[in-house]
Amino acid sequence: MKPTTVSTSELLEKLQENRAKHVAEYKKARKTWLKKAIKELRKVADRAEKDKKLNGQSFSPLRELPKPVSYVHSYDVMIARLNAEVNDQVELDERDFNAYWLDNWDWSGAFVGTTALYNG
């Protein structure tokens, strides 16, 4: 399939909107993750104080709580590139269109999977 030509300003606007959504989802997930992580670490501390010993499982209490990851840098790089673009239009191949226009990046599945654990 041939590349898709899009307006540079429209793409920039779309990326900025999607970036804002990404940051909001990440912050919400991280806040919930942090509360859960602190709760789990307090449980470990309480067990350690009571038992005076920790077994191997007690040393990895956060393994069931994957930490949310922000991919905001991906947006920032493309936004910077578009701000530097001198043409009114840019061509996007299928992969770029999927990421930049449809907000379906290579990392989107991992991001949605992790944030859904906390933003559900």
C-alpha atoms as a PDB file:
ATOM      1  CA  MET A   1       0.000   0.000   0.000  1.00  0.00           C
ATOM      2  CA  LYS A   2       1.231   3.481  -0.787  1.00  0.00           C
ATOM      3  CA  PRO A   3       1.967   5.946   2.038  1.00  0.00           C
ATOM      4  CA  THR A   4      -0.845   8.098   3.430  1.00  0.00           C
ATOM      5  CA  THR A   5      -0.368  11.856   3.159  1.00  0.00           C
ATOM      6  CA  VAL A   6      -1.680  13.781   6.177  1.00  0.00           C
ATOM      7  CA  SER A   7      -1.681  17.373   7.309  1.00  0.00           C
ATOM      8  CA  THR A   8       1.315  18.113   9.501  1.00  0.00           C
ATOM      9  CA  SER A   9      -0.745  20.376  11.776  1.00  0.00           C
ATOM     10  CA  GLU A  10      -3.566  17.815  12.143  1.00  0.00           C
ATOM     11  CA  LEU A  11      -1.096  15.072  12.962  1.00  0.00           C
ATOM     12  CA  LEU A  12       0.619  17.319  15.490  1.00  0.00           C
ATOM     13  CA  GLU A  13      -2.728  18.074  17.137  1.00  0.00           C
ATOM     14  CA  LYS A  14      -3.665  14.386  17.211  1.00  0.00           C
ATOM     15  CA  LEU A  15      -0.326  13.427  18.768  1.00  0.00           C
ATOM     16  CA  GLN A  16      -0.647  16.122  21.431  1.00  0.00           C
ATOM     17  CA  GLU A  17      -4.159  14.932  22.341  1.00  0.00           C
ATOM     18  CA  ASN A  18      -3.058  11.302  22.474  1.00  0.00           C
ATOM     19  CA  ARG A  19      -0.012  12.259  24.529  1.00  0.00           C
ATOM     20  CA  ALA A  20      -2.251  13.984  27.087  1.00  0.00           C
ATOM     21  CA  LYS A  21      -4.473  10.876  27.314  1.00  0.00           C
ATOM     22  CA  HIS A  22      -1.414   8.649  27.687  1.00  0.00           C
ATOM     23  CA  VAL A  23       0.008  10.778  30.507  1.00  0.00           C
ATOM     24  CA  ALA A  24      -3.346  10.832  32.329  1.00  0.00           C
ATOM     25  CA  GLU A  25      -3.761   7.043  32.068  1.00  0.00           C
ATOM     26  CA  TYR A  26      -0.179   6.479  33.193  1.00  0.00           C
ATOM     27  CA  LYS A  27      -0.470   8.819  36.187  1.00  0.00           C
ATOM     28  CA  LYS A  28      -3.733   7.221  37.304  1.00  0.00           C
ATOM     29  CA  ALA A  29      -2.277   3.709  37.003  1.00  0.00           C
ATOM     30  CA  ARG A  30       0.953   4.695  38.765  1.00  0.00           C
ATOM     31  CA  LYS A  31      -0.954   6.257  41.660  1.00  0.00           C
ATOM     32  CA  THR A  32      -2.982   3.067  42.166  1.00  0.00           C
ATOM     33  CA  TRP A  33       0.102   0.888  41.701  1.00  0.00           C
ATOM     34  CA  LEU A  34       1.986   2.907  44.323  1.00  0.00           C
ATOM     35  CA  LYS A  35      -0.831   2.494  46.862  1.00  0.00           C
ATOM     36  CA  LYS A  36      -0.918  -1.261  46.263  1.00  0.00           C
ATOM     37  CA  ALA A  37       2.876  -1.533  46.372  1.00  0.00           C
ATOM     38  CA  ILE A  38       3.058   0.315  49.688  1.00  0.00           C
ATOM     39  CA  LYS A  39       0.320  -1.926  51.099  1.00  0.00           C
ATOM     40  CA  GLU A  40       2.223  -5.052  50.049  1.00  0.00           C
ATOM     41  CA  LEU A  41       5.513  -3.751  51.436  1.00  0.00           C
ATOM     42  CA  ARG A  42       3.832  -2.953  54.750  1.00  0.00           C
ATOM     43  CA  LYS A  43       2.589  -6.544  54.903  1.00  0.00           C
ATOM     44  CA  VAL A  44       6.147  -7.777  54.419  1.00  0.00           C
ATOM     45  CA  ALA A  45       7.421  -5.407  57.110  1.00  0.00           C
ATOM     46  CA  ASP A  46       4.703  -6.568  59.511  1.00  0.00           C
ATOM     47  CA  ARG A  47       5.578 -10.226  58.863  1.00  0.00           C
ATOM     48  CA  ALA A  48       9.258  -9.490  59.393  1.00  0.00           C
ATOM     49  CA  GLU A  49       8.571  -7.798  62.712  1.00  0.00           C
ATOM     50  CA  LYS A  50       6.368 -10.675  63.891  1.00  0.00           C
ATOM     51  CA  ASP A  51       8.391 -13.603  62.569  1.00  0.00           C
ATOM     52  CA  LYS A  52      11.856 -12.042  62.799  1.00  0.00           C
ATOM     53  CA  LYS A  53      12.667 -13.836  59.552  1.00  0.00           C
ATOM     54  CA  LEU A  54      11.767 -13.520  55.909  1.00  0.00           C
ATOM     55  CA  ASN A  55      11.557 -16.341  53.430  1.00  0.00           C
ATOM     56  CA  GLY A  56      12.388 -15.995  49.743  1.00  0.00           C
ATOM     57  CA  GLN A  57       8.803 -15.218  48.779  1.00  0.00           C
ATOM     58  CA  SER A  58       8.697 -12.316  51.205  1.00  0.00           C
ATOM     59  CA  PHE A  59      11.554 -10.601  49.393  1.00  0.00           C
ATOM     60  CA  SER A  60       9.615 -10.252  46.141  1.00  0.00           C
ATOM     61  CA  PRO A  61       6.224  -8.976  47.235  1.00  0.00           C
ATOM     62  CA  LEU A  62       5.818  -6.787  44.154  1.00  0.00           C
ATOM     63  CA  ARG A  63       6.243  -9.489  41.526  1.00  0.00           C
ATOM     64  CA  GLU A  64       2.451  -9.701  41.157  1.00  0.00           C
ATOM     65  CA  LEU A  65       2.227  -5.920  40.703  1.00  0.00           C
ATOM     66  CA  PRO A  66       3.822  -4.957  37.380  1.00  0.00           C
ATOM     67  CA  LYS A  67       4.890  -1.343  37.464  1.00  0.00           C
ATOM     68  CA  PRO A  68       3.202   0.902  34.885  1.00  0.00           C
ATOM     69  CA  VAL A  69       5.572   2.251  32.243  1.00  0.00           C
ATOM     70  CA  SER A  70       5.233   5.604  30.509  1.00  0.00           C
ATOM     71  CA  TYR A  71       5.963   5.784  26.802  1.00  0.00           C
ATOM     72  CA  VAL A  72       5.542   9.566  26.646  1.00  0.00           C
ATOM     73  CA  HIS A  73       8.989   9.859  25.049  1.00  0.00           C
ATOM     74  CA  SER A  74       7.587   8.244  21.888  1.00  0.00           C
ATOM     75  CA  TYR A  75       5.079  11.077  21.589  1.00  0.00           C
ATOM     76  CA  ASP A  76       7.648  13.735  22.448  1.00  0.00           C
ATOM     77  CA  VAL A  77      10.044  12.602  19.732  1.00  0.00           C
ATOM     78  CA  MET A  78       7.389  12.650  17.020  1.00  0.00           C
ATOM     79  CA  ILE A  79       5.966  15.979  18.233  1.00  0.00           C
ATOM     80  CA  ALA A  80       9.464  17.486  18.075  1.00  0.00           C
ATOM     81  CA  ARG A  81       9.959  16.089  14.565  1.00  0.00           C
ATOM     82  CA  LEU A  82       6.666  17.583  13.405  1.00  0.00           C
ATOM     83  CA  ASN A  83       7.514  20.938  14.976  1.00  0.00           C
ATOM     84  CA  ALA A  84      10.708  20.903  12.934  1.00  0.00           C
ATOM     85  CA  GLU A  85       8.921  19.837   9.732  1.00  0.00           C
ATOM     86  CA  VAL A  86       8.892  22.533   7.028  1.00  0.00           C
ATOM     87  CA  ASN A  87       6.231  20.896   4.841  1.00  0.00           C
ATOM     88  CA  ASP A  88       2.489  21.273   5.380  1.00  0.00           C
ATOM     89  CA  GLN A  89       1.986  17.564   4.782  1.00  0.00           C
ATOM     90  CA  VAL A  90       3.838  14.403   5.711  1.00  0.00           C
ATOM     91  CA  GLU A  91       3.660  10.880   4.360  1.00  0.00           C
ATOM     92  CA  LEU A  92       3.086   8.002   6.755  1.00  0.00           C
ATOM     93  CA  ASP A  93       3.640   4.371   5.909  1.00  0.00           C
ATOM     94  CA  GLU A  94       1.207   1.821   7.349  1.00  0.00           C
ATOM     95  CA  ARG A  95       3.163   1.305  10.576  1.00  0.00           C
ATOM     96  CA  ASP A  96       3.597   5.033  11.204  1.00  0.00           C
ATOM     97  CA  PHE A  97      -0.058   5.758  10.425  1.00  0.00           C
ATOM     98  CA  ASN A  98      -1.104   3.045  12.849  1.00  0.00           C
ATOM     99  CA  ALA A  99       1.060   4.525  15.614  1.00  0.00           C
ATOM    100  CA  TYR A 100       0.865   8.272  15.052  1.00  0.00           C
ATOM    101  CA  TRP A 101      -2.652   8.678  13.668  1.00  0.00           C
ATOM    102  CA  LEU A 102      -4.511   5.727  15.237  1.00  0.00           C
ATOM    103  CA  ASP A 103      -2.502   5.763  18.496  1.00  0.00           C
ATOM    104  CA  ASN A 104      -1.744   2.069  18.147  1.00  0.00           C
ATOM    105  CA  TRP A 105       1.995   1.892  18.836  1.00  0.00           C
ATOM    106  CA  ASP A 106       4.153  -1.232  19.047  1.00  0.00           C
ATOM    107  CA  TRP A 107       4.051  -0.888  22.844  1.00  0.00           C
ATOM    108  CA  SER A 108       0.296  -0.159  23.106  1.00  0.00           C
ATOM    109  CA  GLY A 109      -0.664  -3.718  24.064  1.00  0.00           C
ATOM    110  CA  ALA A 110       1.778  -3.803  26.957  1.00  0.00           C
ATOM    111  CA  PHE A 111       0.724  -0.334  28.122  1.00  0.00           C
ATOM    112  CA  VAL A 112      -3.003  -1.115  28.021  1.00  0.00           C
ATOM    113  CA  GLY A 113      -2.463  -4.486  29.685  1.00  0.00           C
ATOM    114  CA  THR A 114      -0.559  -3.004  32.604  1.00  0.00           C
ATOM    115  CA  THR A 115      -2.655   0.127  33.114  1.00  0.00           C
ATOM    116  CA  ALA A 116      -5.864  -1.939  32.955  1.00  0.00           C
ATOM    117  CA  LEU A 117      -4.711  -3.726  36.101  1.00  0.00           C
ATOM    118  CA  TYR A 118      -4.906  -0.438  37.980  1.00  0.00           C
ATOM    119  CA  ASN A 119      -7.375   1.728  36.053  1.00  0.00           C
ATOM    120  CA  GLY A 120      -9.967  -1.035  35.581  1.00  0.00           C
END
